[in-house]
Amino acid sequence: MSKYVLALDQGTTSSRAIIFDQEGNIVSLAQRPIDQIYPHPGWVNQDAEHIWEVTLSVMKEAVQQSQLGISQIAAIGITNQRETTILWDRATGKPVGPAIVWQSRQTSHLVDDIFRRGKAERYQQITGLVPDAYFSATKILWMLEQDPEVRRRAEQGDLAFGTVDSWLLWKLSGGKVHLTDYSNASRTMLFDINELEWSDELLADLNIPKHILPGLCDNSGIICHADSSILGAEIPVAGVAGDQQAALFGQTCFSPGEAKNTYGTGSFCLMNIGEKPTHSKHKLLTTIAWGINGKVEYALEGSIFVTGAAVGWLRDGLGIIKTSEEVEQLASSVKDSGGVFFVPALVGLGAPYWDQYARGTIIGITRSTTAAHIARATLEAIAFQTRDVVEAMIADSGIDLHELRVDGGAVKNDLLLQIQADILGVPVVRPTMTEVTALGAAYLAGLATDVWADQQDLKAHWKEDRRFEPSINADQRESLYSTWKRAVERACRWEKPTE
């Protein structure tokens, strides 16, 4: 009998449930939006109960759409928005406040304090992360500091902390399981990626009680069973990974040096670096890719804040396109950007610059500059930022990149991918299945339940849709990149605003 895997893809703006068959094809898909809460400028919150309710509804909808018998679903896999932080009552299962989303900057002052105390380098040595409000640690501290009653209950052991993966595991298991996987643990800024355990040193530094933290589990293996009241049977939950690591797995980047880039609102570029962590000297993050059968593998990650969002600005801010899809046609109407370079530092710059005070900059404008040149410069900016991260990865790892596998909403844009190949000087490869984040979660769950035999079996299912080869010579490439670097210098010359 054919086997199927149900993947829960709980993202920042929506929850999706996708059922895959043994060939890695989509059988059914259900998706619903997640409400965002913006209580103050720079703050982004969500309702954890709402996250669960929406996830539960799409899970049931996908199963109903598929017309499968529940016994045909071999396993459930989870992938999730990372770093988003939830505290809940162990007895009632109710959250004690809003979920603080990874995007939220409400704990920036607590991160500034880590730097002021000279602890930032130590945090990076232990966790592989550059301290930032992005990660979970200061979000937990903020929750504990806002309400003495929350602090008291946490110290008494009444509360549980989790990122979204832990919350979904708790809810799916009917409150029986409080666990997280290696990939999500490595994004909390509390996990020692060298010793593979929670860091007592960092917990003490932030005065966070250790007993609120979840236990650890492999990314692939039977973690728990979904309560029978949810889908009518106790289906094993057998795979879990943070969204970017799941995408790396879904792209079957199983060997050191294999890399993927996900193009969304921002972009996340990850390179598999094998079984030893390489601590970045070029402002990248060292993260755990996955842990399977007792073997942990690592990745270097570069987080680019604004890529697809720059196209959104052309649409909503400048009004030069009506839909994001129109950017390809407009940019294709000119042969190059006419000497225009756009640094889309609309919310500062991420890796490898980490300059929150950088500002968006357009240089090279002349009387002959048109909207089409700015559109093309925007696509080039996405490619240049990706090269910035790839250059840092090569310098840190000593591994050359031979091709870049790509996914995300923007990979439908052929011009963008051709520009990316030209700027990188290596082939850019788009797979036939671009839902690789959910597919990665399915693969992890299916490996643990014999839907797929091994990683070689998974590689056999990965299929290339199109390969974009570099079409410009090295001199042209380096001349363009050199000018880009000068443009970035100008974007970074902004003073920190006075308080």
Protein backbone atom coordinates (compact mmCIF):
# COMPACT_ATOMS: atom_id res chain seq x y z
CA MET A 1 0.00 0.00 0.00
CA SER A 2 1.23 3.47 -0.84
CA LYS A 3 2.34 5.64 2.06
CA TYR A 4 1.85 9.36 2.52
CA VAL A 5 3.32 12.00 4.83
CA LEU A 6 1.53 15.03 6.23
CA ALA A 7 3.79 18.10 6.55
CA LEU A 8 2.78 21.01 8.77
CA ASP A 9 4.48 24.20 7.58
CA GLN A 10 3.81 26.80 10.26
CA GLY A 11 5.18 30.07 8.88
CA THR A 12 5.19 33.69 9.97
CA THR A 13 2.22 34.77 7.88
CA SER A 14 0.35 31.51 7.34
CA SER A 15 0.01 27.88 8.35
CA ARG A 16 -0.03 25.26 5.63
CA ALA A 17 -0.57 21.54 5.58
CA ILE A 18 0.67 19.51 2.61
CA ILE A 19 0.33 15.78 2.04
CA PHE A 20 3.11 14.25 -0.06
CA ASP A 21 3.21 10.86 -1.74
CA GLN A 22 6.24 8.58 -1.92
CA GLU A 23 7.48 10.30 -5.08
CA GLY A 24 7.55 13.64 -3.25
CA ASN A 25 4.52 14.94 -5.16
CA ILE A 26 1.79 17.07 -3.56
CA VAL A 27 -1.48 15.23 -3.02
CA SER A 28 -3.31 18.03 -1.21
CA LEU A 29 -2.56 21.47 0.23
CA ALA A 30 -4.46 23.74 2.63
CA GLN A 31 -3.34 27.18 3.73
CA ARG A 32 -4.72 29.94 5.96
CA PRO A 33 -3.23 33.23 7.17
CA ILE A 34 -1.90 33.93 10.66
CA ASP A 35 -2.90 37.22 12.28
CA GLN A 36 -0.09 39.64 13.14
CA ILE A 37 -0.24 41.96 16.16
CA TYR A 38 1.74 45.22 16.19
CA PRO A 39 1.33 46.73 19.70
CA HIS A 40 4.15 49.26 19.23
CA PRO A 41 6.48 50.31 16.37
CA GLY A 42 9.02 47.52 15.81
CA TRP A 43 7.07 44.99 17.88
CA VAL A 44 5.58 41.91 16.19
CA ASN A 45 3.42 39.53 18.24
CA GLN A 46 1.05 36.65 17.55
CA ASP A 47 -1.53 34.67 19.52
CA ALA A 48 -0.15 31.19 20.15
CA GLU A 49 -3.64 29.71 20.47
CA HIS A 50 -4.50 31.22 17.09
CA ILE A 51 -1.35 29.62 15.60
CA TRP A 52 -2.54 26.23 16.87
CA GLU A 53 -6.16 26.69 15.79
CA VAL A 54 -5.17 27.66 12.24
CA THR A 55 -2.63 24.82 12.02
CA LEU A 56 -5.24 22.34 13.26
CA SER A 57 -7.79 23.55 10.71
CA VAL A 58 -5.46 23.28 7.70
CA MET A 59 -4.28 19.86 8.86
CA LYS A 60 -7.85 18.58 8.90
CA GLU A 61 -8.62 20.29 5.59
CA ALA A 62 -5.61 18.75 3.82
CA VAL A 63 -6.57 15.27 5.04
CA GLN A 64 -10.17 15.77 3.89
CA GLN A 65 -9.04 17.08 0.47
CA SER A 66 -6.74 14.11 -0.06
CA GLN A 67 -9.58 11.57 0.31
CA LEU A 68 -7.05 9.22 1.90
CA GLY A 69 -7.81 6.79 4.67
CA ILE A 70 -6.18 7.95 7.88
CA SER A 71 -4.21 4.67 8.03
CA GLN A 72 -2.46 5.65 4.77
CA ILE A 73 -0.75 8.62 6.46
CA ALA A 74 2.46 7.15 7.81
CA ALA A 75 3.72 10.18 9.71
CA ILE A 76 3.49 13.88 10.44
CA GLY A 77 6.43 16.25 9.94
CA ILE A 78 6.68 19.80 11.32
CA THR A 79 8.57 22.81 10.04
CA ASN A 80 8.18 26.21 11.62
CA GLN A 81 9.00 29.88 11.79
CA ARG A 82 12.10 29.94 13.96
CA GLU A 83 12.95 31.94 17.13
CA THR A 84 9.32 32.95 17.81
CA THR A 85 8.92 32.60 21.57
CA ILE A 86 6.00 31.24 23.61
CA LEU A 87 5.53 30.74 27.37
CA TRP A 88 2.62 28.62 28.58
CA ASP A 89 1.19 27.11 31.73
CA ARG A 90 2.09 23.44 32.09
CA ALA A 91 -1.17 22.61 33.89
CA THR A 92 -3.65 24.37 31.62
CA GLY A 93 -1.65 24.50 28.36
CA LYS A 94 -2.64 28.16 28.03
CA PRO A 95 -0.11 30.80 26.91
CA VAL A 96 0.74 33.39 29.59
CA GLY A 97 1.15 36.18 27.04
CA PRO A 98 1.49 36.83 23.33
CA ALA A 99 4.03 34.97 21.22
CA ILE A 100 6.95 37.28 20.42
CA VAL A 101 7.71 36.80 16.72
CA TRP A 102 11.26 36.46 15.41
CA GLN A 103 10.91 39.77 13.55
CA SER A 104 10.14 41.73 16.70
CA ARG A 105 12.73 44.27 17.85
CA GLN A 106 11.17 44.81 21.27
CA THR A 107 14.16 43.29 23.07
CA SER A 108 16.90 45.30 21.31
CA HIS A 109 17.80 47.05 24.58
CA LEU A 110 18.51 43.67 26.21
CA VAL A 111 20.83 42.74 23.34
CA ASP A 112 22.58 46.11 23.66
CA ASP A 113 23.22 45.20 27.30
CA ILE A 114 24.97 41.96 26.25
CA PHE A 115 27.31 44.01 24.05
CA ARG A 116 27.81 46.65 26.76
CA ARG A 117 28.88 43.98 29.21
CA GLY A 118 31.42 42.62 26.73
CA LYS A 119 29.67 39.25 26.47
CA ALA A 120 28.81 39.19 22.76
CA GLU A 121 31.84 37.21 21.66
CA ARG A 122 31.25 34.61 24.37
CA TYR A 123 27.65 34.17 23.21
CA GLN A 124 28.87 33.62 19.66
CA GLN A 125 31.50 31.11 20.78
CA ILE A 126 28.88 29.03 22.58
CA THR A 127 25.85 29.39 20.32
CA GLY A 128 27.30 30.24 16.89
CA LEU A 129 25.01 33.28 16.79
CA VAL A 130 25.73 36.99 16.70
CA PRO A 131 23.62 38.34 19.61
CA ASP A 132 20.46 39.94 18.25
CA ALA A 133 16.84 40.56 19.21
CA TYR A 134 16.04 38.10 16.39
CA PHE A 135 16.76 35.12 18.67
CA SER A 136 14.68 33.67 21.51
CA ALA A 137 16.86 34.27 24.58
CA THR A 138 16.14 37.95 25.14
CA LYS A 139 12.48 37.39 24.26
CA ILE A 140 12.23 34.93 27.19
CA LEU A 141 14.01 37.39 29.47
CA TRP A 142 11.66 40.19 28.43
CA MET A 143 8.62 38.06 29.30
CA LEU A 144 10.06 37.22 32.70
CA GLU A 145 10.95 40.83 33.46
CA GLN A 146 7.59 42.31 32.45
CA ASP A 147 5.57 40.55 35.13
CA PRO A 148 6.85 39.43 38.57
CA GLU A 149 4.09 36.81 38.68
CA VAL A 150 5.35 35.26 35.41
CA ARG A 151 8.89 35.23 36.85
CA ARG A 152 7.64 33.56 40.08
CA ARG A 153 5.67 30.90 38.22
CA ALA A 154 8.60 30.19 35.88
CA GLU A 155 10.99 29.74 38.81
CA GLN A 156 8.52 27.40 40.52
CA GLY A 157 8.41 25.21 37.41
CA ASP A 158 4.81 26.02 36.47
CA LEU A 159 5.65 27.40 33.01
CA ALA A 160 7.12 25.96 29.83
CA PHE A 161 9.06 27.77 27.12
CA GLY A 162 9.05 26.74 23.51
CA THR A 163 9.57 27.93 20.00
CA VAL A 164 6.71 27.12 17.61
CA ASP A 165 7.90 23.54 17.05
CA SER A 166 7.68 22.82 20.80
CA TRP A 167 4.25 24.44 21.01
CA LEU A 168 2.91 22.30 18.16
CA LEU A 169 4.43 19.12 19.63
CA TRP A 170 2.80 19.94 22.99
CA LYS A 171 -0.58 20.53 21.38
CA LEU A 172 -0.42 17.53 19.03
CA SER A 173 0.54 15.20 21.88
CA GLY A 174 -2.20 16.49 24.18
CA GLY A 175 0.35 18.06 26.52
CA LYS A 176 2.40 14.87 26.93
CA VAL A 177 5.59 16.09 25.21
CA HIS A 178 7.77 19.15 25.87
CA LEU A 179 10.62 18.83 23.37
CA THR A 180 12.51 20.74 20.71
CA ASP A 181 14.83 19.55 17.96
CA TYR A 182 18.49 20.43 17.39
CA SER A 183 17.84 22.90 14.58
CA ASN A 184 15.36 24.99 16.56
CA ALA A 185 17.36 24.74 19.80
CA SER A 186 20.33 26.22 17.97
CA ARG A 187 18.30 29.37 17.23
CA THR A 188 17.45 30.24 20.84
CA MET A 189 20.86 31.82 21.72
CA LEU A 190 20.87 29.52 24.77
CA PHE A 191 22.10 26.27 23.21
CA ASP A 192 25.73 25.17 23.19
CA ILE A 193 26.21 23.91 19.64
CA ASN A 194 29.60 22.39 20.56
CA GLU A 195 28.45 20.34 23.56
CA LEU A 196 24.88 19.86 22.25
CA GLU A 197 23.22 20.94 25.48
CA TRP A 198 21.62 23.99 27.04
CA SER A 199 24.29 26.40 28.26
CA ASP A 200 24.22 26.82 32.03
CA GLU A 201 26.60 29.76 31.63
CA LEU A 202 24.27 31.73 29.36
CA LEU A 203 21.15 30.79 31.34
CA ALA A 204 22.85 32.16 34.46
CA ASP A 205 23.97 35.29 32.61
CA LEU A 206 20.37 36.08 31.63
CA ASN A 207 18.80 34.69 34.82
CA ILE A 208 16.54 32.28 32.93
CA PRO A 209 15.46 29.17 34.90
CA LYS A 210 16.63 26.05 33.09
CA HIS A 211 13.59 23.94 33.94
CA ILE A 212 11.32 25.97 31.64
CA LEU A 213 13.32 24.73 28.63
CA PRO A 214 12.24 21.75 26.52
CA GLY A 215 14.13 18.49 26.20
CA LEU A 216 16.08 17.65 23.03
CA CYS A 217 15.14 15.26 20.23
CA ASP A 218 16.55 14.25 16.85
CA ASN A 219 15.15 15.88 13.73
CA SER A 220 14.12 12.49 12.37
CA GLY A 221 12.65 9.83 14.64
CA ILE A 222 9.33 9.11 16.31
CA ILE A 223 8.97 12.01 18.74
CA CYS A 224 5.39 11.45 19.87
CA HIS A 225 2.00 10.45 18.51
CA ALA A 226 -0.73 12.89 17.63
CA ASP A 227 -3.63 12.49 20.02
CA SER A 228 -6.34 10.35 18.42
CA SER A 229 -8.92 13.09 19.01
CA ILE A 230 -7.21 15.27 16.38
CA LEU A 231 -7.39 13.13 13.23
CA GLY A 232 -9.02 9.96 14.49
CA ALA A 233 -5.82 7.95 14.90
CA GLU A 234 -2.54 8.17 16.78
CA ILE A 235 -0.29 9.15 13.87
CA PRO A 236 3.44 9.33 14.70
CA VAL A 237 5.03 12.78 14.64
CA ALA A 238 8.41 11.75 13.28
CA GLY A 239 10.20 14.78 11.87
CA VAL A 240 10.71 18.41 12.87
CA ALA A 241 13.03 21.21 11.75
CA GLY A 242 13.17 24.98 11.58
CA ASP A 243 12.03 26.29 8.21
CA GLN A 244 15.43 27.12 6.71
CA GLN A 245 17.03 23.86 7.79
CA ALA A 246 14.00 21.99 6.46
CA ALA A 247 14.48 23.73 3.11
CA LEU A 248 18.16 22.69 3.08
CA PHE A 249 17.05 19.09 3.72
CA GLY A 250 14.28 19.32 1.13
CA GLN A 251 16.86 20.46 -1.43
CA THR A 252 18.85 17.30 -0.50
CA CYS A 253 21.95 19.33 0.37
CA PHE A 254 23.40 16.47 2.37
CA SER A 255 27.13 16.95 1.62
CA PRO A 256 29.52 19.69 2.80
CA GLY A 257 29.60 22.57 0.31
CA GLU A 258 26.05 22.04 -0.97
CA ALA A 259 23.99 25.19 -0.51
CA LYS A 260 20.52 26.60 -1.05
CA ASN A 261 19.03 30.07 -1.08
CA THR A 262 15.39 30.76 -0.27
CA TYR A 263 14.05 33.94 -1.85
CA GLY A 264 11.16 35.43 0.08
CA THR A 265 10.58 38.78 1.77
CA GLY A 266 14.20 38.38 2.74
CA SER A 267 16.56 35.59 1.77
CA PHE A 268 18.20 32.84 3.77
CA CYS A 269 21.28 31.20 2.31
CA LEU A 270 22.55 28.03 4.02
CA MET A 271 25.59 25.88 3.26
CA ASN A 272 26.09 22.39 4.69
CA ILE A 273 29.51 22.34 6.42
CA GLY A 274 29.45 18.79 7.78
CA GLU A 275 29.92 17.37 11.27
CA LYS A 276 32.16 20.06 12.78
CA PRO A 277 30.97 23.60 13.53
CA THR A 278 32.94 26.36 11.81
CA HIS A 279 32.72 29.55 13.82
CA SER A 280 32.33 32.39 11.39
CA LYS A 281 34.90 35.17 11.17
CA HIS A 282 32.81 36.94 8.54
CA LYS A 283 29.61 37.66 10.50
CA LEU A 284 27.65 34.62 9.44
CA LEU A 285 25.70 32.41 11.81
CA THR A 286 26.77 28.86 12.62
CA THR A 287 23.67 26.77 13.10
CA ILE A 288 22.76 23.12 13.48
CA ALA A 289 21.36 21.79 10.23
CA TRP A 290 19.94 18.57 11.70
CA GLY A 291 20.63 15.68 14.01
CA ILE A 292 19.74 12.19 12.79
CA ASN A 293 20.60 8.87 14.43
CA GLY A 294 22.99 10.53 16.85
CA LYS A 295 24.91 12.41 14.12
CA VAL A 296 24.66 16.19 14.10
CA GLU A 297 25.53 18.23 11.03
CA TYR A 298 26.06 21.97 10.84
CA ALA A 299 25.43 24.81 8.41
CA LEU A 300 26.60 28.35 7.87
CA GLU A 301 23.71 30.76 7.43
CA GLY A 302 23.46 34.23 5.99
CA SER A 303 20.24 36.12 6.67
CA ILE A 304 19.45 38.87 4.14
CA PHE A 305 16.74 41.18 5.42
CA VAL A 306 15.36 42.69 2.20
CA THR A 307 15.11 40.90 -1.15
CA GLY A 308 11.49 40.30 -2.18
CA ALA A 309 10.57 43.23 0.07
CA ALA A 310 12.57 45.49 -2.25
CA VAL A 311 10.31 44.47 -5.13
CA GLY A 312 7.37 45.15 -2.82
CA TRP A 313 8.72 48.68 -2.30
CA LEU A 314 8.83 49.23 -6.07
CA ARG A 315 5.15 48.26 -6.08
CA ASP A 316 3.86 49.96 -2.92
CA GLY A 317 6.37 52.76 -2.36
CA LEU A 318 7.31 53.93 -5.84
CA GLY A 319 4.28 52.60 -7.71
CA ILE A 320 6.33 51.66 -10.80
CA ILE A 321 4.75 48.18 -10.92
CA LYS A 322 1.25 47.04 -9.98
CA THR A 323 2.14 43.49 -8.98
CA SER A 324 5.43 41.92 -7.92
CA GLU A 325 5.33 39.61 -10.93
CA GLU A 326 5.56 42.63 -13.27
CA VAL A 327 9.12 43.38 -12.16
CA GLU A 328 10.56 40.71 -14.49
CA GLN A 329 8.96 42.17 -17.61
CA LEU A 330 9.93 45.75 -16.68
CA ALA A 331 13.53 44.81 -15.84
CA SER A 332 13.81 42.76 -19.04
CA SER A 333 12.94 45.81 -21.15
CA VAL A 334 16.50 47.15 -20.70
CA LYS A 335 19.73 45.26 -21.38
CA ASP A 336 21.34 46.33 -18.10
CA SER A 337 20.77 48.68 -15.17
CA GLY A 338 22.39 51.63 -16.94
CA GLY A 339 24.97 52.04 -14.17
CA VAL A 340 22.33 52.24 -11.43
CA PHE A 341 22.99 50.35 -8.15
CA PHE A 342 20.36 49.98 -5.44
CA VAL A 343 21.30 48.92 -1.88
CA PRO A 344 17.91 47.97 -0.37
CA ALA A 345 18.83 48.63 3.27
CA LEU A 346 15.21 49.46 4.04
CA VAL A 347 15.49 48.01 7.56
CA GLY A 348 19.27 48.08 7.84
CA LEU A 349 21.54 45.37 6.45
CA GLY A 350 21.78 41.76 7.61
CA ALA A 351 24.61 39.32 6.91
CA PRO A 352 27.47 39.86 6.48
CA TYR A 353 27.21 43.54 7.50
CA TRP A 354 24.81 43.50 10.47
CA ASP A 355 24.36 47.27 10.29
CA GLN A 356 20.92 48.15 11.66
CA TYR A 357 21.54 51.84 10.90
CA ALA A 358 22.35 51.43 7.18
CA ARG A 359 19.81 53.06 4.89
CA GLY A 360 18.54 52.34 1.40
CA THR A 361 20.70 53.97 -1.25
CA ILE A 362 20.42 54.33 -5.04
CA ILE A 363 23.52 55.55 -6.90
CA GLY A 364 24.38 56.08 -10.56
CA ILE A 365 21.17 57.89 -11.52
CA THR A 366 21.42 60.07 -14.64
CA ARG A 367 18.95 61.95 -16.83
CA SER A 368 18.48 58.78 -18.88
CA THR A 369 17.61 56.56 -15.90
CA THR A 370 14.14 55.02 -16.16
CA ALA A 371 11.88 52.90 -13.97
CA ALA A 372 13.13 49.86 -15.89
CA HIS A 373 16.75 50.56 -14.83
CA ILE A 374 15.69 50.81 -11.19
CA ALA A 375 13.70 47.57 -11.51
CA ARG A 376 16.71 45.78 -12.97
CA ALA A 377 19.00 47.24 -10.29
CA THR A 378 16.59 45.83 -7.69
CA LEU A 379 16.95 42.29 -9.08
CA GLU A 380 20.71 42.78 -9.25
CA ALA A 381 20.69 43.88 -5.60
CA ILE A 382 19.10 40.57 -4.60
CA ALA A 383 21.87 38.74 -6.46
CA PHE A 384 24.66 40.94 -5.06
CA GLN A 385 23.48 40.43 -1.48
CA THR A 386 23.47 36.68 -2.05
CA ARG A 387 27.03 36.87 -3.37
CA ASP A 388 28.05 38.83 -0.24
CA VAL A 389 26.86 35.90 1.87
CA VAL A 390 28.35 33.22 -0.42
CA GLU A 391 31.76 34.97 -0.38
CA ALA A 392 31.68 34.93 3.42
CA MET A 393 30.70 31.23 3.43
CA ILE A 394 33.61 30.30 1.17
CA ALA A 395 36.04 32.32 3.31
CA ASP A 396 34.78 30.71 6.54
CA SER A 397 34.51 27.11 5.33
CA GLY A 398 37.30 26.91 2.76
CA ILE A 399 34.78 25.11 0.53
CA ASP A 400 34.11 26.37 -3.00
CA LEU A 401 30.52 26.60 -4.17
CA HIS A 402 29.83 24.59 -7.34
CA GLU A 403 26.13 25.38 -7.71
CA LEU A 404 23.35 27.10 -5.78
CA ARG A 405 19.97 25.43 -5.39
CA VAL A 406 17.11 27.91 -5.08
CA ASP A 407 13.54 28.00 -3.81
CA GLY A 408 10.95 30.46 -2.55
CA GLY A 409 8.33 32.58 -4.25
CA ALA A 410 10.74 34.63 -6.38
CA VAL A 411 12.31 31.67 -8.20
CA LYS A 412 9.57 31.89 -10.83
CA ASN A 413 11.49 34.95 -12.05
CA ASP A 414 13.86 33.61 -14.73
CA LEU A 415 15.65 36.94 -15.12
CA LEU A 416 16.47 37.06 -11.41
CA LEU A 417 17.98 33.57 -11.53
CA GLN A 418 20.02 34.38 -14.64
CA ILE A 419 21.36 37.53 -12.97
CA GLN A 420 22.14 35.44 -9.88
CA ALA A 421 24.18 32.97 -11.93
CA ASP A 422 26.02 35.85 -13.64
CA ILE A 423 26.89 37.55 -10.34
CA LEU A 424 27.95 34.33 -8.58
CA GLY A 425 29.77 32.75 -11.51
CA VAL A 426 28.27 29.32 -10.76
CA PRO A 427 25.12 27.58 -12.00
CA VAL A 428 21.85 28.38 -10.23
CA VAL A 429 19.48 25.42 -10.17
CA ARG A 430 15.70 25.50 -9.73
CA PRO A 431 14.02 22.20 -8.83
CA THR A 432 10.68 21.04 -10.19
CA MET A 433 9.32 20.95 -6.63
CA THR A 434 9.77 24.38 -5.05
CA GLU A 435 7.76 23.60 -1.88
CA VAL A 436 11.01 22.35 -0.38
CA THR A 437 10.45 23.60 3.18
CA ALA A 438 7.39 21.42 3.71
CA LEU A 439 9.02 18.65 1.67
CA GLY A 440 12.04 18.70 3.99
CA ALA A 441 9.78 18.18 7.01
CA ALA A 442 8.05 15.34 5.16
CA TYR A 443 11.37 13.74 4.28
CA LEU A 444 12.55 13.84 7.91
CA ALA A 445 9.31 12.21 9.09
CA GLY A 446 9.25 9.70 6.24
CA LEU A 447 12.82 8.55 6.88
CA ALA A 448 11.85 7.62 10.43
CA THR A 449 8.79 5.65 9.32
CA ASP A 450 10.23 3.78 6.31
CA VAL A 451 8.40 5.82 3.69
CA TRP A 452 11.88 6.44 2.25
CA ALA A 453 14.85 4.19 2.79
CA ASP A 454 17.69 6.66 3.21
CA GLN A 455 19.12 9.97 2.01
CA GLN A 456 20.16 8.44 -1.32
CA ASP A 457 16.55 7.50 -1.89
CA LEU A 458 15.59 11.14 -1.28
CA LYS A 459 18.25 12.41 -3.70
CA ALA A 460 16.73 10.23 -6.40
CA HIS A 461 13.44 12.15 -6.04
CA TRP A 462 15.05 15.59 -6.42
CA LYS A 463 14.52 16.77 -10.01
CA GLU A 464 15.95 19.76 -11.82
CA ASP A 465 13.52 22.10 -13.55
CA ARG A 466 16.06 24.49 -15.05
CA ARG A 467 19.75 25.28 -14.70
CA PHE A 468 20.91 28.88 -15.22
CA GLU A 469 24.54 29.06 -16.36
CA PRO A 470 26.69 32.23 -16.01
CA SER A 471 26.59 34.28 -19.22
CA ILE A 472 29.09 37.08 -18.51
CA ASN A 473 32.88 36.87 -18.19
CA ALA A 474 34.87 37.18 -14.98
CA ASP A 475 36.04 40.75 -15.68
CA GLN A 476 32.46 41.98 -16.13
CA ARG A 477 31.37 40.12 -13.02
CA GLU A 478 34.10 41.53 -10.80
CA SER A 479 33.65 45.08 -12.13
CA LEU A 480 29.94 44.99 -11.25
CA TYR A 481 30.61 43.49 -7.82
CA SER A 482 33.30 46.05 -7.04
CA THR A 483 30.86 48.89 -7.73
CA TRP A 484 28.24 47.17 -5.58
CA LYS A 485 30.68 47.08 -2.66
CA ARG A 486 31.28 50.82 -3.03
CA ALA A 487 27.53 51.40 -3.02
CA VAL A 488 27.21 49.41 0.22
CA GLU A 489 29.89 51.61 1.82
CA ARG A 490 27.74 54.63 1.08
CA ALA A 491 24.62 52.97 2.51
CA CYS A 492 26.52 52.19 5.73
CA ARG A 493 27.73 55.76 6.30
CA TRP A 494 24.76 56.71 8.39
CA GLU A 495 25.25 57.86 11.94
CA LYS A 496 23.44 56.10 14.78
CA PRO A 497 20.54 58.41 15.63
CA THR A 498 20.80 60.25 18.93
CA GLU A 499 18.47 59.13 21.69
